[in-house]
Amino acid sequence: MSNFVIGAALPTFTAVQNWIVDGVLVFIWIIVVIMVGKNLGTLKVKGAALILVVGGAFTWAIKNPDTVFGWIDGFMELF
């Protein structure tokens, strides 16, 4: 029965959420690779390094939303 689609277990919400996060991260890194290639093609190493750092920061922020939201809440409490 598990060979049929109906008999197979449906994915959980967490699994679907992880798939979406993975898809967003892949999209971000495709853009980063294209931009790095463009900068390296024009020999702008500093720009390529900056794009890699920004891409890494976005990746970290997407994988660690609790920490980012904690920082935002802490910053908002200052006002």
N, C-alpha and C. Protein backbone atom coordinates (compact mmCIF):
# COMPACT_ATOMS: atom_id res chain seq x y z
N MET A 1 0.82 -1.19 0.00
CA MET A 1 0.00 0.00 0.00
C MET A 1 0.86 1.26 0.00
N SER A 2 2.08 1.19 0.51
CA SER A 2 2.92 2.38 0.56
C SER A 2 3.44 2.77 -0.82
N ASN A 3 3.26 1.91 -1.83
CA ASN A 3 3.68 2.26 -3.18
C ASN A 3 2.72 3.24 -3.84
N PHE A 4 1.54 3.35 -3.32
CA PHE A 4 0.56 4.27 -3.87
C PHE A 4 0.72 5.64 -3.20
N VAL A 5 0.43 6.69 -3.94
CA VAL A 5 0.56 8.04 -3.39
C VAL A 5 -0.41 8.25 -2.24
N ILE A 6 -1.60 7.71 -2.37
CA ILE A 6 -2.60 7.90 -1.32
C ILE A 6 -2.19 7.16 -0.05
N GLY A 7 -1.53 6.01 -0.19
CA GLY A 7 -1.14 5.24 0.98
C GLY A 7 0.11 5.74 1.67
N ALA A 8 0.86 6.59 1.01
CA ALA A 8 2.10 7.10 1.60
C ALA A 8 1.77 8.17 2.63
N ALA A 9 2.66 8.32 3.58
CA ALA A 9 2.46 9.33 4.61
C ALA A 9 2.67 10.72 4.02
N LEU A 10 1.80 11.64 4.39
CA LEU A 10 1.91 13.01 3.93
C LEU A 10 3.00 13.73 4.72
N PRO A 11 3.66 14.70 4.11
CA PRO A 11 4.70 15.42 4.85
C PRO A 11 4.10 16.28 5.95
N THR A 12 4.86 16.48 6.98
CA THR A 12 4.40 17.31 8.09
C THR A 12 4.61 18.78 7.73
N PHE A 13 4.04 19.64 8.53
CA PHE A 13 4.19 21.08 8.30
C PHE A 13 5.65 21.49 8.41
N THR A 14 6.37 20.90 9.36
CA THR A 14 7.79 21.22 9.53
C THR A 14 8.59 20.83 8.29
N ALA A 15 8.27 19.68 7.71
CA ALA A 15 8.98 19.25 6.51
C ALA A 15 8.72 20.20 5.35
N VAL A 16 7.48 20.63 5.19
CA VAL A 16 7.15 21.57 4.12
C VAL A 16 7.83 22.91 4.36
N GLN A 17 7.85 23.34 5.61
CA GLN A 17 8.53 24.59 5.96
C GLN A 17 10.02 24.50 5.64
N ASN A 18 10.65 23.37 5.94
CA ASN A 18 12.07 23.19 5.63
C ASN A 18 12.31 23.19 4.12
N TRP A 19 11.39 22.62 3.36
CA TRP A 19 11.53 22.63 1.90
C TRP A 19 11.48 24.06 1.37
N ILE A 20 10.58 24.87 1.91
CA ILE A 20 10.46 26.26 1.47
C ILE A 20 11.73 27.03 1.82
N VAL A 21 12.24 26.84 3.03
CA VAL A 21 13.47 27.52 3.44
C VAL A 21 14.63 27.10 2.54
N ASP A 22 14.73 25.82 2.24
CA ASP A 22 15.79 25.34 1.35
C ASP A 22 15.66 25.96 -0.04
N GLY A 23 14.43 26.07 -0.54
CA GLY A 23 14.22 26.69 -1.84
C GLY A 23 14.62 28.15 -1.88
N VAL A 24 14.30 28.88 -0.81
CA VAL A 24 14.69 30.30 -0.73
C VAL A 24 16.21 30.42 -0.67
N LEU A 25 16.86 29.55 0.10
CA LEU A 25 18.32 29.60 0.20
C LEU A 25 18.98 29.28 -1.13
N VAL A 26 18.45 28.32 -1.85
CA VAL A 26 19.00 28.00 -3.18
C VAL A 26 18.84 29.20 -4.11
N PHE A 27 17.68 29.85 -4.07
CA PHE A 27 17.45 31.02 -4.91
C PHE A 27 18.44 32.13 -4.57
N ILE A 28 18.67 32.38 -3.28
CA ILE A 28 19.63 33.41 -2.86
C ILE A 28 21.02 33.07 -3.37
N TRP A 29 21.45 31.82 -3.24
CA TRP A 29 22.81 31.46 -3.65
C TRP A 29 22.97 31.44 -5.16
N ILE A 30 21.89 31.19 -5.90
CA ILE A 30 21.98 31.31 -7.36
C ILE A 30 22.25 32.77 -7.73
N ILE A 31 21.53 33.69 -7.09
CA ILE A 31 21.76 35.11 -7.35
C ILE A 31 23.18 35.52 -6.93
N VAL A 32 23.64 35.02 -5.78
CA VAL A 32 24.99 35.34 -5.30
C VAL A 32 26.04 34.85 -6.29
N VAL A 33 25.89 33.64 -6.77
CA VAL A 33 26.88 33.08 -7.71
C VAL A 33 26.90 33.89 -9.01
N ILE A 34 25.73 34.28 -9.51
CA ILE A 34 25.68 35.09 -10.72
C ILE A 34 26.36 36.44 -10.50
N MET A 35 26.09 37.07 -9.37
CA MET A 35 26.69 38.37 -9.10
C MET A 35 28.19 38.26 -8.86
N VAL A 36 28.63 37.22 -8.19
CA VAL A 36 30.06 37.02 -7.98
C VAL A 36 30.75 36.78 -9.32
N GLY A 37 30.14 35.98 -10.18
CA GLY A 37 30.71 35.74 -11.50
C GLY A 37 30.83 37.02 -12.31
N LYS A 38 29.81 37.88 -12.21
CA LYS A 38 29.84 39.16 -12.91
C LYS A 38 30.98 40.03 -12.38
N ASN A 39 31.14 40.07 -11.04
CA ASN A 39 32.20 40.89 -10.46
C ASN A 39 33.59 40.33 -10.75
N LEU A 40 33.72 39.02 -10.73
CA LEU A 40 35.03 38.44 -11.03
C LEU A 40 35.36 38.58 -12.51
N GLY A 41 34.34 38.60 -13.35
CA GLY A 41 34.56 38.80 -14.78
C GLY A 41 35.13 40.17 -15.09
N THR A 42 34.78 41.15 -14.27
CA THR A 42 35.32 42.50 -14.45
C THR A 42 36.48 42.76 -13.49
N LEU A 43 36.98 41.71 -12.85
CA LEU A 43 38.12 41.76 -11.92
C LEU A 43 37.87 42.66 -10.71
N LYS A 44 36.65 42.64 -10.22
CA LYS A 44 36.30 43.38 -9.00
C LYS A 44 36.23 42.38 -7.85
N VAL A 45 37.38 42.04 -7.31
CA VAL A 45 37.46 41.04 -6.25
C VAL A 45 36.82 41.54 -4.97
N LYS A 46 36.99 42.82 -4.68
CA LYS A 46 36.40 43.39 -3.48
C LYS A 46 34.88 43.29 -3.52
N GLY A 47 34.28 43.58 -4.67
CA GLY A 47 32.83 43.46 -4.82
C GLY A 47 32.36 42.03 -4.69
N ALA A 48 33.14 41.09 -5.26
CA ALA A 48 32.78 39.67 -5.16
C ALA A 48 32.82 39.20 -3.71
N ALA A 49 33.84 39.63 -2.97
CA ALA A 49 33.94 39.24 -1.56
C ALA A 49 32.79 39.83 -0.75
N LEU A 50 32.42 41.06 -1.04
CA LEU A 50 31.32 41.71 -0.34
C LEU A 50 30.00 40.98 -0.60
N ILE A 51 29.78 40.57 -1.83
CA ILE A 51 28.56 39.84 -2.18
C ILE A 51 28.52 38.49 -1.45
N LEU A 52 29.66 37.82 -1.35
CA LEU A 52 29.70 36.55 -0.62
C LEU A 52 29.39 36.75 0.86
N VAL A 53 29.89 37.83 1.45
CA VAL A 53 29.62 38.11 2.86
C VAL A 53 28.14 38.41 3.07
N VAL A 54 27.56 39.21 2.19
CA VAL A 54 26.13 39.54 2.31
C VAL A 54 25.27 38.30 2.10
N GLY A 55 25.64 37.46 1.13
CA GLY A 55 24.90 36.22 0.91
C GLY A 55 24.98 35.29 2.11
N GLY A 56 26.15 35.22 2.73
CA GLY A 56 26.30 34.41 3.94
C GLY A 56 25.48 34.95 5.10
N ALA A 57 25.42 36.29 5.20
CA ALA A 57 24.61 36.90 6.27
C ALA A 57 23.13 36.61 6.06
N PHE A 58 22.65 36.70 4.82
CA PHE A 58 21.25 36.37 4.54
C PHE A 58 20.97 34.90 4.86
N THR A 59 21.89 34.02 4.48
CA THR A 59 21.71 32.59 4.75
C THR A 59 21.63 32.34 6.25
N TRP A 60 22.53 32.96 7.01
CA TRP A 60 22.52 32.78 8.46
C TRP A 60 21.23 33.32 9.06
N ALA A 61 20.78 34.48 8.59
CA ALA A 61 19.57 35.09 9.13
C ALA A 61 18.34 34.24 8.84
N ILE A 62 18.29 33.62 7.67
CA ILE A 62 17.15 32.78 7.33
C ILE A 62 17.17 31.48 8.13
N LYS A 63 18.35 30.94 8.40
CA LYS A 63 18.43 29.69 9.16
C LYS A 63 18.29 29.90 10.66
N ASN A 64 18.48 31.13 11.15
CA ASN A 64 18.41 31.42 12.58
C ASN A 64 17.44 32.58 12.86
N PRO A 65 16.16 32.41 12.54
CA PRO A 65 15.23 33.54 12.70
C PRO A 65 14.99 33.91 14.16
N ASP A 66 15.06 32.95 15.07
CA ASP A 66 14.82 33.27 16.49
C ASP A 66 15.85 34.26 17.02
N THR A 67 17.10 34.06 16.65
CA THR A 67 18.16 34.98 17.09
C THR A 67 17.95 36.36 16.49
N VAL A 68 17.63 36.41 15.21
CA VAL A 68 17.43 37.71 14.54
C VAL A 68 16.25 38.45 15.16
N PHE A 69 15.14 37.74 15.39
CA PHE A 69 13.98 38.39 15.99
C PHE A 69 14.26 38.81 17.43
N GLY A 70 15.09 38.06 18.14
CA GLY A 70 15.49 38.46 19.48
C GLY A 70 16.28 39.75 19.46
N TRP A 71 17.17 39.89 18.50
CA TRP A 71 17.95 41.13 18.36
C TRP A 71 17.03 42.30 18.01
N ILE A 72 16.06 42.06 17.14
CA ILE A 72 15.13 43.13 16.76
C ILE A 72 14.30 43.55 17.97
N ASP A 73 13.81 42.58 18.74
CA ASP A 73 13.05 42.92 19.94
C ASP A 73 13.89 43.70 20.94
N GLY A 74 15.14 43.27 21.12
CA GLY A 74 16.02 43.98 22.03
C GLY A 74 16.30 45.39 21.56
N PHE A 75 16.45 45.57 20.27
CA PHE A 75 16.68 46.92 19.72
C PHE A 75 15.45 47.81 19.89
N MET A 76 14.28 47.22 19.69
CA MET A 76 13.04 47.99 19.81
C MET A 76 12.77 48.40 21.26
N GLU A 77 13.25 47.61 22.22
CA GLU A 77 13.06 47.96 23.63
C GLU A 77 13.91 49.16 24.05
N LEU A 78 14.91 49.50 23.27
CA LEU A 78 15.73 50.67 23.57
C LEU A 78 14.96 51.98 23.41
N PHE A 79 13.91 51.93 22.61
CA PHE A 79 13.15 53.14 22.34
C PHE A 79 11.92 53.11 23.18
